[in-house]
Amino acid sequence: MSSTTDNYLRDLGELIKERARDAKREKDAAEGTDRYDYELGRLTAMHEVVSLMQQQAEAFGLDLSALALDDISPEEHLT
């Protein structure tokens, strides 16, 4: 891959991971409010995106660190 592609994939992974962690914080903060269902749905979507990106990376033989997704586990960090 080109360095542009490598940089794009790493940056995208970092941005997705950051948004996923934000969604987790927002869901936790919304506990007991009428925003909770919305925030839970957003977190669920981010869980799905991170999981899919990791699964596809494995299927294509890409190292998760190349996508900056090696330090996040959807099951552990996004529930």
N, C-alpha and C. Protein backbone atom coordinates (compact mmCIF):
# COMPACT_ATOMS: atom_id res chain seq x y z
N MET A 1 0.84 -1.19 0.00
CA MET A 1 0.00 0.00 0.00
C MET A 1 0.88 1.24 0.00
N SER A 2 0.30 2.32 -0.46
CA SER A 2 1.04 3.57 -0.48
C SER A 2 1.04 4.19 0.92
N SER A 3 1.94 5.12 1.14
CA SER A 3 1.98 5.78 2.44
C SER A 3 0.71 6.59 2.67
N THR A 4 0.11 7.11 1.60
CA THR A 4 -1.15 7.85 1.74
C THR A 4 -2.25 6.92 2.24
N THR A 5 -2.32 5.73 1.69
CA THR A 5 -3.32 4.75 2.13
C THR A 5 -3.06 4.32 3.56
N ASP A 6 -1.82 4.05 3.88
CA ASP A 6 -1.46 3.68 5.26
C ASP A 6 -1.86 4.77 6.24
N ASN A 7 -1.55 6.01 5.89
CA ASN A 7 -1.88 7.13 6.77
C ASN A 7 -3.39 7.31 6.90
N TYR A 8 -4.10 7.14 5.79
CA TYR A 8 -5.55 7.24 5.81
C TYR A 8 -6.15 6.19 6.75
N LEU A 9 -5.74 4.95 6.60
CA LEU A 9 -6.28 3.86 7.42
C LEU A 9 -5.97 4.05 8.90
N ARG A 10 -4.76 4.48 9.21
CA ARG A 10 -4.39 4.71 10.61
C ARG A 10 -5.20 5.87 11.19
N ASP A 11 -5.31 6.95 10.44
CA ASP A 11 -6.07 8.12 10.90
C ASP A 11 -7.55 7.76 11.08
N LEU A 12 -8.11 7.03 10.13
CA LEU A 12 -9.50 6.61 10.24
C LEU A 12 -9.71 5.75 11.48
N GLY A 13 -8.81 4.82 11.72
CA GLY A 13 -8.90 3.98 12.92
C GLY A 13 -8.87 4.81 14.18
N GLU A 14 -7.96 5.78 14.24
CA GLU A 14 -7.87 6.66 15.43
C GLU A 14 -9.17 7.45 15.62
N LEU A 15 -9.71 7.99 14.54
CA LEU A 15 -10.94 8.78 14.64
C LEU A 15 -12.13 7.92 15.07
N ILE A 16 -12.25 6.74 14.50
CA ILE A 16 -13.34 5.83 14.87
C ILE A 16 -13.21 5.43 16.33
N LYS A 17 -12.01 5.10 16.75
CA LYS A 17 -11.77 4.70 18.14
C LYS A 17 -12.11 5.84 19.10
N GLU A 18 -11.72 7.05 18.75
CA GLU A 18 -12.02 8.22 19.59
C GLU A 18 -13.53 8.43 19.70
N ARG A 19 -14.22 8.33 18.59
CA ARG A 19 -15.68 8.50 18.62
C ARG A 19 -16.37 7.37 19.39
N ALA A 20 -15.84 6.17 19.28
CA ALA A 20 -16.40 5.04 20.01
C ALA A 20 -16.24 5.25 21.52
N ARG A 21 -15.08 5.70 21.93
CA ARG A 21 -14.85 5.95 23.36
C ARG A 21 -15.71 7.12 23.85
N ASP A 22 -15.90 8.12 23.02
CA ASP A 22 -16.80 9.22 23.36
C ASP A 22 -18.24 8.70 23.53
N ALA A 23 -18.65 7.81 22.63
CA ALA A 23 -20.00 7.24 22.72
C ALA A 23 -20.19 6.47 24.02
N LYS A 24 -19.16 5.77 24.45
CA LYS A 24 -19.22 5.03 25.72
C LYS A 24 -19.38 6.00 26.89
N ARG A 25 -18.59 7.07 26.89
CA ARG A 25 -18.69 8.06 27.97
C ARG A 25 -20.07 8.72 27.98
N GLU A 26 -20.57 9.06 26.81
CA GLU A 26 -21.89 9.71 26.72
C GLU A 26 -23.00 8.76 27.18
N LYS A 27 -22.91 7.49 26.83
CA LYS A 27 -23.90 6.52 27.28
C LYS A 27 -23.88 6.39 28.79
N ASP A 28 -22.69 6.30 29.36
CA ASP A 28 -22.57 6.19 30.81
C ASP A 28 -23.11 7.43 31.51
N ALA A 29 -22.84 8.61 30.95
CA ALA A 29 -23.29 9.86 31.53
C ALA A 29 -24.81 10.02 31.43
N ALA A 30 -25.42 9.37 30.45
CA ALA A 30 -26.86 9.51 30.22
C ALA A 30 -27.70 8.53 31.04
N GLU A 31 -27.05 7.69 31.80
CA GLU A 31 -27.77 6.71 32.63
C GLU A 31 -28.87 7.40 33.44
N GLY A 32 -30.08 6.89 33.32
CA GLY A 32 -31.21 7.42 34.07
C GLY A 32 -31.87 8.65 33.47
N THR A 33 -31.44 9.04 32.27
CA THR A 33 -32.05 10.20 31.62
C THR A 33 -32.82 9.75 30.38
N ASP A 34 -33.54 10.68 29.80
CA ASP A 34 -34.28 10.34 28.58
C ASP A 34 -33.37 10.30 27.34
N ARG A 35 -32.11 10.65 27.47
CA ARG A 35 -31.13 10.53 26.39
C ARG A 35 -30.50 9.14 26.33
N TYR A 36 -30.71 8.34 27.35
CA TYR A 36 -30.01 7.06 27.48
C TYR A 36 -30.20 6.16 26.26
N ASP A 37 -31.44 5.98 25.81
CA ASP A 37 -31.69 5.08 24.67
C ASP A 37 -30.95 5.54 23.42
N TYR A 38 -30.94 6.83 23.18
CA TYR A 38 -30.22 7.37 22.03
C TYR A 38 -28.73 7.06 22.16
N GLU A 39 -28.17 7.37 23.32
CA GLU A 39 -26.73 7.16 23.53
C GLU A 39 -26.37 5.68 23.48
N LEU A 40 -27.23 4.82 23.96
CA LEU A 40 -27.00 3.38 23.88
C LEU A 40 -27.00 2.94 22.41
N GLY A 41 -27.90 3.46 21.62
CA GLY A 41 -27.94 3.13 20.20
C GLY A 41 -26.68 3.59 19.48
N ARG A 42 -26.22 4.77 19.82
CA ARG A 42 -24.99 5.30 19.23
C ARG A 42 -23.80 4.42 19.59
N LEU A 43 -23.72 4.03 20.86
CA LEU A 43 -22.63 3.15 21.31
C LEU A 43 -22.71 1.80 20.60
N THR A 44 -23.90 1.27 20.45
CA THR A 44 -24.07 -0.01 19.77
C THR A 44 -23.57 0.08 18.32
N ALA A 45 -23.87 1.18 17.66
CA ALA A 45 -23.39 1.38 16.29
C ALA A 45 -21.86 1.45 16.24
N MET A 46 -21.26 2.15 17.19
CA MET A 46 -19.80 2.25 17.22
C MET A 46 -19.17 0.89 17.52
N HIS A 47 -19.80 0.12 18.39
CA HIS A 47 -19.33 -1.24 18.69
C HIS A 47 -19.29 -2.05 17.39
N GLU A 48 -20.35 -1.94 16.61
CA GLU A 48 -20.45 -2.67 15.35
C GLU A 48 -19.37 -2.22 14.36
N VAL A 49 -19.12 -0.93 14.27
CA VAL A 49 -18.13 -0.40 13.34
C VAL A 49 -16.72 -0.88 13.72
N VAL A 50 -16.37 -0.76 14.99
CA VAL A 50 -15.04 -1.20 15.43
C VAL A 50 -14.88 -2.70 15.21
N SER A 51 -15.90 -3.47 15.56
CA SER A 51 -15.85 -4.93 15.36
C SER A 51 -15.65 -5.26 13.88
N LEU A 52 -16.41 -4.62 13.02
CA LEU A 52 -16.31 -4.89 11.59
C LEU A 52 -14.94 -4.51 11.05
N MET A 53 -14.43 -3.37 11.45
CA MET A 53 -13.09 -2.96 10.99
C MET A 53 -12.03 -3.96 11.43
N GLN A 54 -12.12 -4.44 12.67
CA GLN A 54 -11.15 -5.41 13.16
C GLN A 54 -11.29 -6.75 12.43
N GLN A 55 -12.51 -7.19 12.22
CA GLN A 55 -12.73 -8.46 11.52
C GLN A 55 -12.20 -8.40 10.08
N GLN A 56 -12.48 -7.30 9.40
CA GLN A 56 -12.02 -7.14 8.02
C GLN A 56 -10.50 -7.05 7.96
N ALA A 57 -9.89 -6.38 8.92
CA ALA A 57 -8.43 -6.31 8.96
C ALA A 57 -7.84 -7.71 9.08
N GLU A 58 -8.41 -8.51 9.97
CA GLU A 58 -7.95 -9.89 10.12
C GLU A 58 -8.14 -10.67 8.82
N ALA A 59 -9.29 -10.53 8.19
CA ALA A 59 -9.58 -11.26 6.95
C ALA A 59 -8.60 -10.90 5.83
N PHE A 60 -8.12 -9.65 5.82
CA PHE A 60 -7.20 -9.20 4.79
C PHE A 60 -5.74 -9.27 5.24
N GLY A 61 -5.50 -9.84 6.41
CA GLY A 61 -4.14 -10.01 6.90
C GLY A 61 -3.46 -8.72 7.33
N LEU A 62 -4.26 -7.73 7.74
CA LEU A 62 -3.71 -6.46 8.20
C LEU A 62 -3.51 -6.50 9.71
N ASP A 63 -2.41 -5.95 10.14
CA ASP A 63 -2.13 -5.84 11.57
C ASP A 63 -3.04 -4.75 12.16
N LEU A 64 -3.71 -5.05 13.26
CA LEU A 64 -4.61 -4.07 13.87
C LEU A 64 -3.87 -2.79 14.28
N SER A 65 -2.60 -2.90 14.59
CA SER A 65 -1.85 -1.68 14.95
C SER A 65 -1.72 -0.74 13.76
N ALA A 66 -1.75 -1.27 12.54
CA ALA A 66 -1.70 -0.42 11.35
C ALA A 66 -2.95 0.44 11.24
N LEU A 67 -4.04 0.00 11.88
CA LEU A 67 -5.29 0.75 11.88
C LEU A 67 -5.53 1.47 13.20
N ALA A 68 -4.57 1.38 14.11
CA ALA A 68 -4.68 1.97 15.45
C ALA A 68 -5.86 1.36 16.22
N LEU A 69 -6.19 0.11 15.92
CA LEU A 69 -7.31 -0.55 16.59
C LEU A 69 -6.85 -1.76 17.40
N ASP A 70 -5.57 -1.79 17.74
CA ASP A 70 -5.02 -2.90 18.49
C ASP A 70 -5.21 -2.75 20.00
N ASP A 71 -5.63 -1.59 20.44
CA ASP A 71 -5.76 -1.36 21.88
C ASP A 71 -7.21 -1.11 22.32
N ILE A 72 -8.15 -1.63 21.53
CA ILE A 72 -9.55 -1.49 21.89
C ILE A 72 -10.26 -2.81 21.59
N SER A 73 -11.05 -3.25 22.55
CA SER A 73 -11.86 -4.45 22.39
C SER A 73 -13.33 -4.05 22.50
N PRO A 74 -14.10 -4.21 21.44
CA PRO A 74 -15.51 -3.82 21.51
C PRO A 74 -16.24 -4.46 22.69
N GLU A 75 -15.98 -5.74 22.92
CA GLU A 75 -16.67 -6.45 24.00
C GLU A 75 -16.28 -5.93 25.38
N GLU A 76 -15.02 -5.51 25.51
CA GLU A 76 -14.53 -5.04 26.80
C GLU A 76 -14.73 -3.54 27.02
N HIS A 77 -14.49 -2.75 25.97
CA HIS A 77 -14.48 -1.29 26.12
C HIS A 77 -15.73 -0.58 25.63
N LEU A 78 -16.58 -1.26 24.86
CA LEU A 78 -17.71 -0.57 24.23
C LEU A 78 -19.05 -1.22 24.57
N THR A 79 -19.24 -1.55 25.81
CA THR A 79 -20.52 -2.12 26.25
C THR A 79 -21.05 -1.32 27.44
